[in-house]
Amino acid sequence: MSGFTDHGIEHGSISNLNKWIEAPDAWVSHYLFGNRGSGSPAMWRGIFIEEAVSDTITGTLKIDDAIEKACRAFDTKHDFDDGSADRERNNIEPMTRLAVEALEPYGKPDFPEDGEQHKVSMTATGDGWKLNFIGFTDFNFPDHGLIVDLKTTGRMPSVMSKGHQRQRAFYSKSSGNAAVKFLYVTAKKAEMLEDGDPDELMAEIKLHLTRQEAFLRLGKKELLRDIVPVNPDTFYWRGDEAVRKSLYGI
């Protein structure tokens, strides 16, 4: 038995791993105690913009109709308002238009028959453990040998975050060393980035998974809750302060 199987963890993902690295307290809450967390306005803005971009570049909807659909969905979906809901709703139109403009030169993306995202996977192995690692890519352009992941953001980065670099590396390696770029879109501009060495990042992922498995082997979830450091200031707790207080007393 490994630490993963001890706690019923059947597969891993980059979002899982990034949360473990950046906020182990929020990771324990989510993956061991089942507290999935609330959806912020920024999160839902990103989800519905991606849907609007997909609807537009596949020809399913005209861009104005796709934007209107996204705005209607946003109005019914975000779980709490941290004061940013109006701003994020207003970002849907310009971000969608900029993303579509950036992706149009690549033509229509390829999707599986079910119309959902392409699933990618790899198996990570260590001393006494094995874990299937999965992910879902946003837009595949096989004629260009390119995978594009869409990231909507309030501020344009000059360099991809380490978490996004890990995600890019995994997508590339799990897709036969395909070219992977991240399209960052703000309300004012769009830019493609591709930072980090995939081989080095995959080795780093393996090290983080090894540490995660060793942590899980320490004992039951209640023990892990009691020993993990707690940082109330990370964005992972935004909207879920009551959950954190109930679980950790902080």
C-alpha atoms as a PDB file:
ATOM      1  CA  MET A   1       0.000   0.000   0.000  1.00  0.00           C
ATOM      2  CA  SER A   2       1.182   3.489  -0.814  1.00  0.00           C
ATOM      3  CA  GLY A   3       0.252   6.788   0.761  1.00  0.00           C
ATOM      4  CA  PHE A   4      -1.951   7.502  -2.238  1.00  0.00           C
ATOM      5  CA  THR A   5      -3.922   4.271  -1.968  1.00  0.00           C
ATOM      6  CA  ASP A   6      -4.132   4.615   1.838  1.00  0.00           C
ATOM      7  CA  HIS A   7      -6.140   7.800   1.312  1.00  0.00           C
ATOM      8  CA  GLY A   8      -8.145   6.696  -1.730  1.00  0.00           C
ATOM      9  CA  ILE A   9      -6.292   8.951  -4.175  1.00  0.00           C
ATOM     10  CA  GLU A  10      -6.670   7.206  -7.537  1.00  0.00           C
ATOM     11  CA  HIS A  11      -5.038   9.787  -9.791  1.00  0.00           C
ATOM     12  CA  GLY A  12      -3.106  13.042  -9.713  1.00  0.00           C
ATOM     13  CA  SER A  13      -3.210  16.238 -11.722  1.00  0.00           C
ATOM     14  CA  ILE A  14      -1.270  19.455 -12.089  1.00  0.00           C
ATOM     15  CA  SER A  15      -3.955  21.437 -10.248  1.00  0.00           C
ATOM     16  CA  ASN A  16      -3.749  18.893  -7.416  1.00  0.00           C
ATOM     17  CA  LEU A  17       0.041  19.119  -7.306  1.00  0.00           C
ATOM     18  CA  ASN A  18       0.153  22.912  -7.535  1.00  0.00           C
ATOM     19  CA  LYS A  19      -2.241  23.236  -4.607  1.00  0.00           C
ATOM     20  CA  TRP A  20      -0.084  20.792  -2.619  1.00  0.00           C
ATOM     21  CA  ILE A  21       3.020  22.892  -3.317  1.00  0.00           C
ATOM     22  CA  GLU A  22       1.458  26.323  -2.798  1.00  0.00           C
ATOM     23  CA  ALA A  23      -1.031  25.644   0.019  1.00  0.00           C
ATOM     24  CA  PRO A  24      -0.743  22.219   1.668  1.00  0.00           C
ATOM     25  CA  ASP A  25      -3.413  23.188   4.207  1.00  0.00           C
ATOM     26  CA  ALA A  26      -5.920  23.883   1.415  1.00  0.00           C
ATOM     27  CA  TRP A  27      -4.800  20.653  -0.282  1.00  0.00           C
ATOM     28  CA  VAL A  28      -5.547  18.600   2.842  1.00  0.00           C
ATOM     29  CA  SER A  29      -8.944  20.281   3.140  1.00  0.00           C
ATOM     30  CA  HIS A  30      -9.801  19.584  -0.507  1.00  0.00           C
ATOM     31  CA  TYR A  31      -8.355  16.157  -1.229  1.00  0.00           C
ATOM     32  CA  LEU A  32      -8.544  14.480   2.189  1.00  0.00           C
ATOM     33  CA  PHE A  33     -11.639  16.108   3.712  1.00  0.00           C
ATOM     34  CA  GLY A  34     -13.616  16.686   0.504  1.00  0.00           C
ATOM     35  CA  ASN A  35     -13.978  20.464   0.770  1.00  0.00           C
ATOM     36  CA  ARG A  36     -13.808  21.413  -2.907  1.00  0.00           C
ATOM     37  CA  GLY A  37     -13.935  25.155  -2.301  1.00  0.00           C
ATOM     38  CA  SER A  38     -16.096  27.963  -3.620  1.00  0.00           C
ATOM     39  CA  GLY A  39     -15.883  29.383  -7.110  1.00  0.00           C
ATOM     40  CA  SER A  40     -14.688  32.981  -7.188  1.00  0.00           C
ATOM     41  CA  PRO A  41     -15.864  35.466  -9.825  1.00  0.00           C
ATOM     42  CA  ALA A  42     -12.398  35.272 -11.433  1.00  0.00           C
ATOM     43  CA  MET A  43     -12.594  31.488 -11.667  1.00  0.00           C
ATOM     44  CA  TRP A  44     -16.014  31.499 -13.299  1.00  0.00           C
ATOM     45  CA  ARG A  45     -14.997  34.342 -15.614  1.00  0.00           C
ATOM     46  CA  GLY A  46     -12.170  32.144 -16.886  1.00  0.00           C
ATOM     47  CA  ILE A  47     -14.401  29.106 -17.353  1.00  0.00           C
ATOM     48  CA  PHE A  48     -17.070  30.951 -19.322  1.00  0.00           C
ATOM     49  CA  ILE A  49     -14.593  32.863 -21.465  1.00  0.00           C
ATOM     50  CA  GLU A  50     -13.016  29.566 -22.488  1.00  0.00           C
ATOM     51  CA  GLU A  51     -16.459  28.268 -23.462  1.00  0.00           C
ATOM     52  CA  ALA A  52     -17.195  31.459 -25.419  1.00  0.00           C
ATOM     53  CA  VAL A  53     -13.870  31.251 -27.264  1.00  0.00           C
ATOM     54  CA  SER A  54     -14.477  27.588 -28.090  1.00  0.00           C
ATOM     55  CA  ASP A  55     -18.008  28.305 -29.334  1.00  0.00           C
ATOM     56  CA  THR A  56     -16.656  31.083 -31.565  1.00  0.00           C
ATOM     57  CA  ILE A  57     -13.596  29.485 -33.154  1.00  0.00           C
ATOM     58  CA  THR A  58     -15.440  26.215 -33.821  1.00  0.00           C
ATOM     59  CA  GLY A  59     -18.244  28.119 -35.555  1.00  0.00           C
ATOM     60  CA  THR A  60     -20.866  26.992 -33.063  1.00  0.00           C
ATOM     61  CA  LEU A  61     -21.883  30.582 -32.285  1.00  0.00           C
ATOM     62  CA  LYS A  62     -21.116  34.042 -33.573  1.00  0.00           C
ATOM     63  CA  ILE A  63     -18.868  35.897 -31.172  1.00  0.00           C
ATOM     64  CA  ASP A  64     -21.540  38.328 -29.931  1.00  0.00           C
ATOM     65  CA  ASP A  65     -23.871  35.431 -29.140  1.00  0.00           C
ATOM     66  CA  ALA A  66     -21.064  33.503 -27.425  1.00  0.00           C
ATOM     67  CA  ILE A  67     -20.253  36.507 -25.246  1.00  0.00           C
ATOM     68  CA  GLU A  68     -23.911  36.997 -24.349  1.00  0.00           C
ATOM     69  CA  LYS A  69     -24.172  33.307 -23.405  1.00  0.00           C
ATOM     70  CA  ALA A  70     -21.073  33.585 -21.222  1.00  0.00           C
ATOM     71  CA  CYS A  71     -22.399  36.654 -19.415  1.00  0.00           C
ATOM     72  CA  ARG A  72     -25.730  34.976 -18.713  1.00  0.00           C
ATOM     73  CA  ALA A  73     -23.950  31.919 -17.331  1.00  0.00           C
ATOM     74  CA  PHE A  74     -21.670  34.074 -15.183  1.00  0.00           C
ATOM     75  CA  ASP A  75     -24.649  35.849 -13.639  1.00  0.00           C
ATOM     76  CA  THR A  76     -25.988  32.569 -12.267  1.00  0.00           C
ATOM     77  CA  LYS A  77     -22.825  30.739 -11.296  1.00  0.00           C
ATOM     78  CA  HIS A  78     -20.235  32.430  -9.095  1.00  0.00           C
ATOM     79  CA  ASP A  79     -20.539  31.189  -5.539  1.00  0.00           C
ATOM     80  CA  PHE A  80     -19.597  34.375  -3.719  1.00  0.00           C
ATOM     81  CA  ASP A  81     -18.791  37.987  -4.525  1.00  0.00           C
ATOM     82  CA  ASP A  82     -15.487  39.257  -3.175  1.00  0.00           C
ATOM     83  CA  GLY A  83     -16.241  42.682  -4.614  1.00  0.00           C
ATOM     84  CA  SER A  84     -14.943  41.784  -8.066  1.00  0.00           C
ATOM     85  CA  ALA A  85     -18.054  40.312  -9.718  1.00  0.00           C
ATOM     86  CA  ASP A  86     -18.974  43.406 -11.742  1.00  0.00           C
ATOM     87  CA  ARG A  87     -15.382  43.873 -12.899  1.00  0.00           C
ATOM     88  CA  GLU A  88     -15.005  40.247 -13.895  1.00  0.00           C
ATOM     89  CA  ARG A  89     -18.295  40.278 -15.795  1.00  0.00           C
ATOM     90  CA  ASN A  90     -17.111  43.342 -17.686  1.00  0.00           C
ATOM     91  CA  ASN A  91     -13.898  41.484 -18.569  1.00  0.00           C
ATOM     92  CA  ILE A  92     -15.733  38.725 -20.416  1.00  0.00           C
ATOM     93  CA  GLU A  93     -16.274  40.630 -23.656  1.00  0.00           C
ATOM     94  CA  PRO A  94     -12.810  42.143 -24.206  1.00  0.00           C
ATOM     95  CA  MET A  95     -10.988  39.012 -23.079  1.00  0.00           C
ATOM     96  CA  THR A  96     -13.082  36.796 -25.339  1.00  0.00           C
ATOM     97  CA  ARG A  97     -12.511  39.035 -28.362  1.00  0.00           C
ATOM     98  CA  LEU A  98      -8.753  39.183 -27.778  1.00  0.00           C
ATOM     99  CA  ALA A  99      -8.484  35.417 -27.302  1.00  0.00           C
ATOM    100  CA  VAL A 100     -10.453  34.699 -30.462  1.00  0.00           C
ATOM    101  CA  GLU A 101      -8.306  37.158 -32.413  1.00  0.00           C
ATOM    102  CA  ALA A 102      -5.130  35.426 -31.176  1.00  0.00           C
ATOM    103  CA  LEU A 103      -6.360  31.909 -31.998  1.00  0.00           C
ATOM    104  CA  GLU A 104      -8.101  32.530 -35.333  1.00  0.00           C
ATOM    105  CA  PRO A 105      -4.873  32.227 -37.403  1.00  0.00           C
ATOM    106  CA  TYR A 106      -4.585  28.568 -36.325  1.00  0.00           C
ATOM    107  CA  GLY A 107      -7.993  27.639 -37.737  1.00  0.00           C
ATOM    108  CA  LYS A 108     -10.524  25.336 -36.126  1.00  0.00           C
ATOM    109  CA  PRO A 109      -9.195  23.289 -33.183  1.00  0.00           C
ATOM    110  CA  ASP A 110      -9.571  19.527 -33.003  1.00  0.00           C
ATOM    111  CA  PHE A 111     -11.825  18.067 -30.316  1.00  0.00           C
ATOM    112  CA  PRO A 112     -12.713  14.458 -29.433  1.00  0.00           C
ATOM    113  CA  GLU A 113     -15.999  13.066 -30.760  1.00  0.00           C
ATOM    114  CA  ASP A 114     -17.748  13.861 -27.493  1.00  0.00           C
ATOM    115  CA  GLY A 115     -16.876  17.525 -27.961  1.00  0.00           C
ATOM    116  CA  GLU A 116     -15.025  17.726 -24.663  1.00  0.00           C
ATOM    117  CA  GLN A 117     -11.332  18.433 -24.070  1.00  0.00           C
ATOM    118  CA  HIS A 118      -8.551  16.043 -25.046  1.00  0.00           C
ATOM    119  CA  LYS A 119      -7.481  13.920 -22.079  1.00  0.00           C
ATOM    120  CA  VAL A 120      -3.759  13.351 -21.555  1.00  0.00           C
ATOM    121  CA  SER A 121      -2.148  11.021 -19.038  1.00  0.00           C
ATOM    122  CA  MET A 122       1.130   9.591 -17.773  1.00  0.00           C
ATOM    123  CA  THR A 123       2.002   7.181 -14.980  1.00  0.00           C
ATOM    124  CA  ALA A 124       4.395   8.372 -12.288  1.00  0.00           C
ATOM    125  CA  THR A 125       6.214   5.720 -10.263  1.00  0.00           C
ATOM    126  CA  GLY A 126       8.376   5.820  -7.165  1.00  0.00           C
ATOM    127  CA  ASP A 127       9.591   3.587  -4.364  1.00  0.00           C
ATOM    128  CA  GLY A 128       6.511   1.512  -3.574  1.00  0.00           C
ATOM    129  CA  TRP A 129       4.002   3.760  -5.284  1.00  0.00           C
ATOM    130  CA  LYS A 130       2.428   4.396  -8.669  1.00  0.00           C
ATOM    131  CA  LEU A 131       0.038   7.168  -9.657  1.00  0.00           C
ATOM    132  CA  ASN A 132      -1.812   7.887 -12.887  1.00  0.00           C
ATOM    133  CA  PHE A 133      -1.441  11.580 -13.699  1.00  0.00           C
ATOM    134  CA  ILE A 134      -4.151  13.124 -15.914  1.00  0.00           C
ATOM    135  CA  GLY A 135      -4.999  16.449 -17.523  1.00  0.00           C
ATOM    136  CA  PHE A 136      -7.226  18.039 -20.157  1.00  0.00           C
ATOM    137  CA  THR A 137      -5.913  20.352 -22.864  1.00  0.00           C
ATOM    138  CA  ASP A 138      -7.852  23.404 -24.045  1.00  0.00           C
ATOM    139  CA  PHE A 139      -7.204  23.782 -27.779  1.00  0.00           C
ATOM    140  CA  ASN A 140      -5.378  21.320 -30.045  1.00  0.00           C
ATOM    141  CA  PHE A 141      -4.297  22.467 -33.503  1.00  0.00           C
ATOM    142  CA  PRO A 142      -2.838  19.311 -35.138  1.00  0.00           C
ATOM    143  CA  ASP A 143      -2.173  21.031 -38.485  1.00  0.00           C
ATOM    144  CA  HIS A 144       0.227  23.326 -36.633  1.00  0.00           C
ATOM    145  CA  GLY A 145       1.538  20.699 -34.194  1.00  0.00           C
ATOM    146  CA  LEU A 146       0.422  22.977 -31.380  1.00  0.00           C
ATOM    147  CA  ILE A 147      -1.528  22.787 -28.133  1.00  0.00           C
ATOM    148  CA  VAL A 148      -2.716  26.086 -26.631  1.00  0.00           C
ATOM    149  CA  ASP A 149      -3.886  26.529 -23.054  1.00  0.00           C
ATOM    150  CA  LEU A 150      -5.938  29.653 -22.376  1.00  0.00           C
ATOM    151  CA  LYS A 151      -5.281  31.687 -19.231  1.00  0.00           C
ATOM    152  CA  THR A 152      -7.351  34.781 -18.503  1.00  0.00           C
ATOM    153  CA  THR A 153      -5.723  37.091 -15.993  1.00  0.00           C
ATOM    154  CA  GLY A 154      -5.960  40.542 -14.488  1.00  0.00           C
ATOM    155  CA  ARG A 155      -2.276  41.260 -15.107  1.00  0.00           C
ATOM    156  CA  MET A 156      -0.074  40.098 -17.981  1.00  0.00           C
ATOM    157  CA  PRO A 157       2.920  38.078 -16.712  1.00  0.00           C
ATOM    158  CA  SER A 158       6.372  38.564 -18.209  1.00  0.00           C
ATOM    159  CA  VAL A 159       7.255  34.946 -17.340  1.00  0.00           C
ATOM    160  CA  MET A 160       4.962  31.980 -16.740  1.00  0.00           C
ATOM    161  CA  SER A 161       4.440  31.043 -13.095  1.00  0.00           C
ATOM    162  CA  LYS A 162       6.164  27.866 -11.953  1.00  0.00           C
ATOM    163  CA  GLY A 163       2.789  26.176 -11.625  1.00  0.00           C
ATOM    164  CA  HIS A 164       1.924  26.989 -15.229  1.00  0.00           C
ATOM    165  CA  GLN A 165       5.369  25.851 -16.335  1.00  0.00           C
ATOM    166  CA  ARG A 166       4.718  22.492 -14.704  1.00  0.00           C
ATOM    167  CA  GLN A 167       1.373  22.275 -16.464  1.00  0.00           C
ATOM    168  CA  ARG A 168       2.939  23.107 -19.820  1.00  0.00           C
ATOM    169  CA  ALA A 169       5.680  20.495 -19.313  1.00  0.00           C
ATOM    170  CA  PHE A 170       3.148  17.789 -18.461  1.00  0.00           C
ATOM    171  CA  TYR A 171       0.978  18.599 -21.483  1.00  0.00           C
ATOM    172  CA  SER A 172       4.023  18.461 -23.747  1.00  0.00           C
ATOM    173  CA  LYS A 173       5.443  15.193 -22.395  1.00  0.00           C
ATOM    174  CA  SER A 174       2.070  13.455 -22.234  1.00  0.00           C
ATOM    175  CA  SER A 175       1.390  14.462 -25.860  1.00  0.00           C
ATOM    176  CA  GLY A 176       4.555  13.090 -27.419  1.00  0.00           C
ATOM    177  CA  ASN A 177       6.697  16.194 -26.851  1.00  0.00           C
ATOM    178  CA  ALA A 178       4.158  18.383 -28.638  1.00  0.00           C
ATOM    179  CA  ALA A 179       4.666  22.141 -28.786  1.00  0.00           C
ATOM    180  CA  VAL A 180       2.610  23.762 -26.031  1.00  0.00           C
ATOM    181  CA  LYS A 181       2.019  27.478 -25.590  1.00  0.00           C
ATOM    182  CA  PHE A 182      -0.038  29.319 -23.010  1.00  0.00           C
ATOM    183  CA  LEU A 183      -2.186  32.180 -24.276  1.00  0.00           C
ATOM    184  CA  TYR A 184      -2.471  34.811 -21.551  1.00  0.00           C
ATOM    185  CA  VAL A 185      -5.298  37.299 -22.028  1.00  0.00           C
ATOM    186  CA  THR A 186      -6.077  40.441 -20.064  1.00  0.00           C
ATOM    187  CA  ALA A 187      -8.819  42.943 -20.852  1.00  0.00           C
ATOM    188  CA  LYS A 188      -6.295  44.885 -22.958  1.00  0.00           C
ATOM    189  CA  LYS A 189      -3.931  42.442 -24.661  1.00  0.00           C
ATOM    190  CA  ALA A 190      -3.077  38.824 -25.431  1.00  0.00           C
ATOM    191  CA  GLU A 191       0.333  37.161 -25.469  1.00  0.00           C
ATOM    192  CA  MET A 192       1.693  33.632 -26.011  1.00  0.00           C
ATOM    193  CA  LEU A 193       4.314  32.351 -23.541  1.00  0.00           C
ATOM    194  CA  GLU A 194       6.312  29.114 -23.359  1.00  0.00           C
ATOM    195  CA  ASP A 195       8.735  29.090 -20.433  1.00  0.00           C
ATOM    196  CA  GLY A 196      10.605  26.342 -18.625  1.00  0.00           C
ATOM    197  CA  ASP A 197      12.472  23.209 -19.637  1.00  0.00           C
ATOM    198  CA  PRO A 198       9.994  20.297 -19.785  1.00  0.00           C
ATOM    199  CA  ASP A 199      12.556  17.647 -18.811  1.00  0.00           C
ATOM    200  CA  GLU A 200      13.684  19.568 -15.734  1.00  0.00           C
ATOM    201  CA  LEU A 201      10.109  20.335 -14.751  1.00  0.00           C
ATOM    202  CA  MET A 202       8.994  16.714 -15.081  1.00  0.00           C
ATOM    203  CA  ALA A 203      11.852  15.696 -12.778  1.00  0.00           C
ATOM    204  CA  GLU A 204      10.660  18.350 -10.341  1.00  0.00           C
ATOM    205  CA  ILE A 205       7.097  17.012 -10.529  1.00  0.00           C
ATOM    206  CA  LYS A 206       8.396  13.552  -9.620  1.00  0.00           C
ATOM    207  CA  LEU A 207      10.178  14.975  -6.543  1.00  0.00           C
ATOM    208  CA  HIS A 208       7.028  16.768  -5.385  1.00  0.00           C
ATOM    209  CA  LEU A 209       4.962  13.601  -5.837  1.00  0.00           C
ATOM    210  CA  THR A 210       7.517  11.627  -3.819  1.00  0.00           C
ATOM    211  CA  ARG A 211       7.206  14.106  -0.955  1.00  0.00           C
ATOM    212  CA  GLN A 212       3.432  14.106  -1.209  1.00  0.00           C
ATOM    213  CA  GLU A 213       3.292  10.303  -1.007  1.00  0.00           C
ATOM    214  CA  ALA A 214       5.642  10.260   2.000  1.00  0.00           C
ATOM    215  CA  PHE A 215       3.430  12.838   3.767  1.00  0.00           C
ATOM    216  CA  LEU A 216       0.350  10.714   3.145  1.00  0.00           C
ATOM    217  CA  ARG A 217       2.060   7.652   4.608  1.00  0.00           C
ATOM    218  CA  LEU A 218       2.439   9.400   7.966  1.00  0.00           C
ATOM    219  CA  GLY A 219      -1.063   8.475   9.051  1.00  0.00           C
ATOM    220  CA  LYS A 220      -4.769   9.186   8.927  1.00  0.00           C
ATOM    221  CA  LYS A 221      -6.201  12.408   7.573  1.00  0.00           C
ATOM    222  CA  GLU A 222      -6.854  13.793  11.059  1.00  0.00           C
ATOM    223  CA  LEU A 223      -3.166  13.510  11.912  1.00  0.00           C
ATOM    224  CA  LEU A 224      -2.171  15.148   8.628  1.00  0.00           C
ATOM    225  CA  ARG A 225      -4.633  17.973   9.322  1.00  0.00           C
ATOM    226  CA  ASP A 226      -3.044  18.523  12.730  1.00  0.00           C
ATOM    227  CA  ILE A 227       0.554  18.729  11.485  1.00  0.00           C
ATOM    228  CA  VAL A 228       0.223  20.620   8.206  1.00  0.00           C
ATOM    229  CA  PRO A 229       1.136  24.345   8.369  1.00  0.00           C
ATOM    230  CA  VAL A 230      -1.818  26.704   7.934  1.00  0.00           C
ATOM    231  CA  ASN A 231      -1.612  29.954   5.968  1.00  0.00           C
ATOM    232  CA  PRO A 232      -4.895  31.895   6.048  1.00  0.00           C
ATOM    233  CA  ASP A 233      -3.609  34.461   3.545  1.00  0.00           C
ATOM    234  CA  THR A 234      -3.417  32.353   0.374  1.00  0.00           C
ATOM    235  CA  PHE A 235      -6.036  32.952  -2.320  1.00  0.00           C
ATOM    236  CA  TYR A 236      -7.083  29.306  -2.015  1.00  0.00           C
ATOM    237  CA  TRP A 237      -9.075  30.195   1.095  1.00  0.00           C
ATOM    238  CA  ARG A 238     -10.906  33.140  -0.484  1.00  0.00           C
ATOM    239  CA  GLY A 239     -14.613  32.593   0.094  1.00  0.00           C
ATOM    240  CA  ASP A 240     -13.925  29.541   2.269  1.00  0.00           C
ATOM    241  CA  GLU A 241     -12.814  31.175   5.485  1.00  0.00           C
ATOM    242  CA  ALA A 242     -15.541  29.380   7.457  1.00  0.00           C
ATOM    243  CA  VAL A 243     -14.331  26.006   6.153  1.00  0.00           C
ATOM    244  CA  ARG A 244     -10.756  26.824   7.174  1.00  0.00           C
ATOM    245  CA  LYS A 245     -11.887  27.968  10.612  1.00  0.00           C
ATOM    246  CA  SER A 246     -13.927  24.805  11.127  1.00  0.00           C
ATOM    247  CA  LEU A 247     -11.119  22.493  10.002  1.00  0.00           C
ATOM    248  CA  TYR A 248      -8.087  24.251  11.501  1.00  0.00           C
ATOM    249  CA  GLY A 249      -9.455  26.664  14.093  1.00  0.00           C
ATOM    250  CA  ILE A 250      -7.637  29.558  12.379  1.00  0.00           C
END
